[in-house]
Amino acid sequence: MEYQATAKYMRISTRKLRLVADSIRALTPAHALIQLTLMPKAAALPLRQVVASAVANAKQKQAHEESLKFKIIEVMGGAGMKRWHAVSKGQAHPYKKRMTHVRIVLTDEGKGISDKK
């Protein structure tokens, strides 16, 4: 069976979050939660919350935490808030404050990401 959790409009850039997500893909969700707790990256806390939510969703449906594996960790770009930075001569330079959507799917059967070669 599959269990999922989604977080949308997270105020951290997709690039930063993908770096952390790639480091936990091969782990089990239980080990990933420990790894994310100890990781000194700003993206570790939001990703940890999504993984914890997916594990909680699985427990709600009486799945065993030890048998869970990551099937999908999807980090997608979200909306970007358009902002301006004032510069000389009354001009402004535009930039975007980027947001991210994250979707995590756990499975307790067959092969997960870590079993594929």
Protein backbone atom coordinates (compact mmCIF):
# COMPACT_ATOMS: atom_id res chain seq x y z
CA MET A 1 0.00 0.00 0.00
CA GLU A 2 1.11 3.56 -0.60
CA TYR A 3 1.03 6.45 1.87
CA GLN A 4 1.76 10.04 0.92
CA ALA A 5 2.25 13.51 2.31
CA THR A 6 2.39 16.82 0.46
CA ALA A 7 3.63 20.26 1.45
CA LYS A 8 2.98 23.22 -0.81
CA TYR A 9 4.27 26.78 -0.94
CA MET A 10 7.28 26.14 1.28
CA ARG A 11 9.36 29.33 1.45
CA ILE A 12 12.69 27.79 0.48
CA SER A 13 14.19 27.45 -2.96
CA THR A 14 13.76 24.23 -4.89
CA ARG A 15 17.49 23.92 -5.48
CA LYS A 16 18.31 23.94 -1.76
CA LEU A 17 15.57 21.43 -0.95
CA ARG A 18 16.60 19.04 -3.75
CA LEU A 19 20.13 18.90 -2.38
CA VAL A 20 18.84 17.60 0.95
CA ALA A 21 16.20 15.32 -0.64
CA ASP A 22 18.85 13.61 -2.76
CA SER A 23 20.86 12.77 0.35
CA ILE A 24 17.98 10.82 1.98
CA ARG A 25 16.53 8.97 -1.03
CA ALA A 26 18.43 5.76 -0.32
CA LEU A 27 17.54 5.69 3.39
CA THR A 28 14.50 4.28 5.13
CA PRO A 29 12.08 6.91 6.46
CA ALA A 30 13.09 6.16 10.07
CA HIS A 31 16.79 6.69 9.28
CA ALA A 32 15.94 9.74 7.16
CA LEU A 33 14.22 11.42 10.12
CA ILE A 34 17.33 10.93 12.24
CA GLN A 35 19.61 12.15 9.44
CA LEU A 36 17.46 15.25 8.85
CA THR A 37 17.47 16.10 12.55
CA LEU A 38 21.27 16.19 12.58
CA MET A 39 21.78 17.86 9.19
CA PRO A 40 23.01 21.50 9.37
CA LYS A 41 20.97 22.71 6.39
CA ALA A 42 18.02 25.09 6.45
CA ALA A 43 16.06 22.78 4.13
CA ALA A 44 16.36 19.83 6.53
CA LEU A 45 13.62 20.99 8.92
CA PRO A 46 10.83 21.51 6.35
CA LEU A 47 11.69 18.21 4.64
CA ARG A 48 11.76 16.44 8.00
CA GLN A 49 8.24 17.66 8.71
CA VAL A 50 6.95 16.25 5.41
CA VAL A 51 8.64 12.87 5.98
CA ALA A 52 7.25 12.75 9.52
CA SER A 53 3.78 13.51 8.15
CA ALA A 54 4.05 10.68 5.61
CA VAL A 55 5.15 8.24 8.35
CA ALA A 56 2.27 9.41 10.56
CA ASN A 57 -0.16 8.86 7.69
CA ALA A 58 1.16 5.32 7.30
CA LYS A 59 0.86 4.62 11.03
CA GLN A 60 -2.72 5.91 10.94
CA LYS A 61 -3.51 3.08 8.53
CA GLN A 62 -1.75 0.48 10.74
CA ALA A 63 1.44 0.15 8.67
CA HIS A 64 4.66 -0.93 10.38
CA GLU A 65 7.30 1.81 10.39
CA GLU A 66 10.15 -0.70 9.90
CA SER A 67 8.70 -1.97 6.60
CA LEU A 68 8.31 1.48 4.99
CA LYS A 69 10.48 2.64 2.09
CA PHE A 70 10.53 5.76 -0.05
CA LYS A 71 8.83 5.22 -3.39
CA ILE A 72 8.81 8.84 -4.58
CA ILE A 73 10.42 12.01 -3.25
CA GLU A 74 9.25 14.72 -5.61
CA VAL A 75 10.57 18.29 -5.19
CA MET A 76 8.88 20.71 -7.58
CA GLY A 77 9.14 24.42 -8.13
CA GLY A 78 6.22 26.45 -6.89
CA ALA A 79 5.21 30.06 -7.28
CA GLY A 80 7.73 32.87 -7.04
CA MET A 81 6.99 36.10 -5.20
CA LYS A 82 8.20 38.97 -7.36
CA ARG A 83 10.17 41.56 -5.44
CA TRP A 84 12.31 44.59 -6.26
CA HIS A 85 15.63 45.75 -4.88
CA ALA A 86 16.30 49.49 -5.00
CA VAL A 87 19.52 50.53 -6.71
CA SER A 88 21.11 53.81 -7.71
CA LYS A 89 19.53 56.53 -9.85
CA GLY A 90 15.98 55.60 -8.84
CA GLN A 91 16.11 52.22 -10.53
CA ALA A 92 15.12 48.78 -9.25
CA HIS A 93 16.37 45.26 -9.93
CA PRO A 94 13.79 42.47 -9.87
CA TYR A 95 14.26 39.13 -8.10
CA LYS A 96 12.08 36.23 -7.05
CA LYS A 97 11.57 34.69 -3.64
CA ARG A 98 11.03 31.12 -4.71
CA MET A 99 8.69 28.55 -3.22
CA THR A 100 8.66 24.77 -3.41
CA HIS A 101 6.13 21.93 -3.44
CA VAL A 102 7.17 18.56 -1.98
CA ARG A 103 5.41 15.21 -2.39
CA ILE A 104 6.59 12.08 -0.60
CA VAL A 105 5.15 8.64 -1.27
CA LEU A 106 6.00 5.73 1.03
CA THR A 107 5.34 2.08 0.33
CA ASP A 108 5.45 -1.04 2.47
CA GLU A 109 5.62 -3.57 -0.33
CA GLY A 110 8.02 -4.62 -3.07
CA LYS A 111 10.83 -2.37 -4.18
CA GLY A 112 11.46 1.20 -3.11
CA ILE A 113 13.96 3.72 -4.46
CA SER A 114 16.81 2.09 -2.54
CA ASP A 115 16.27 -1.31 -4.22
CA LYS A 116 16.48 -0.05 -7.83
CA LYS A 117 19.76 -0.45 -9.68
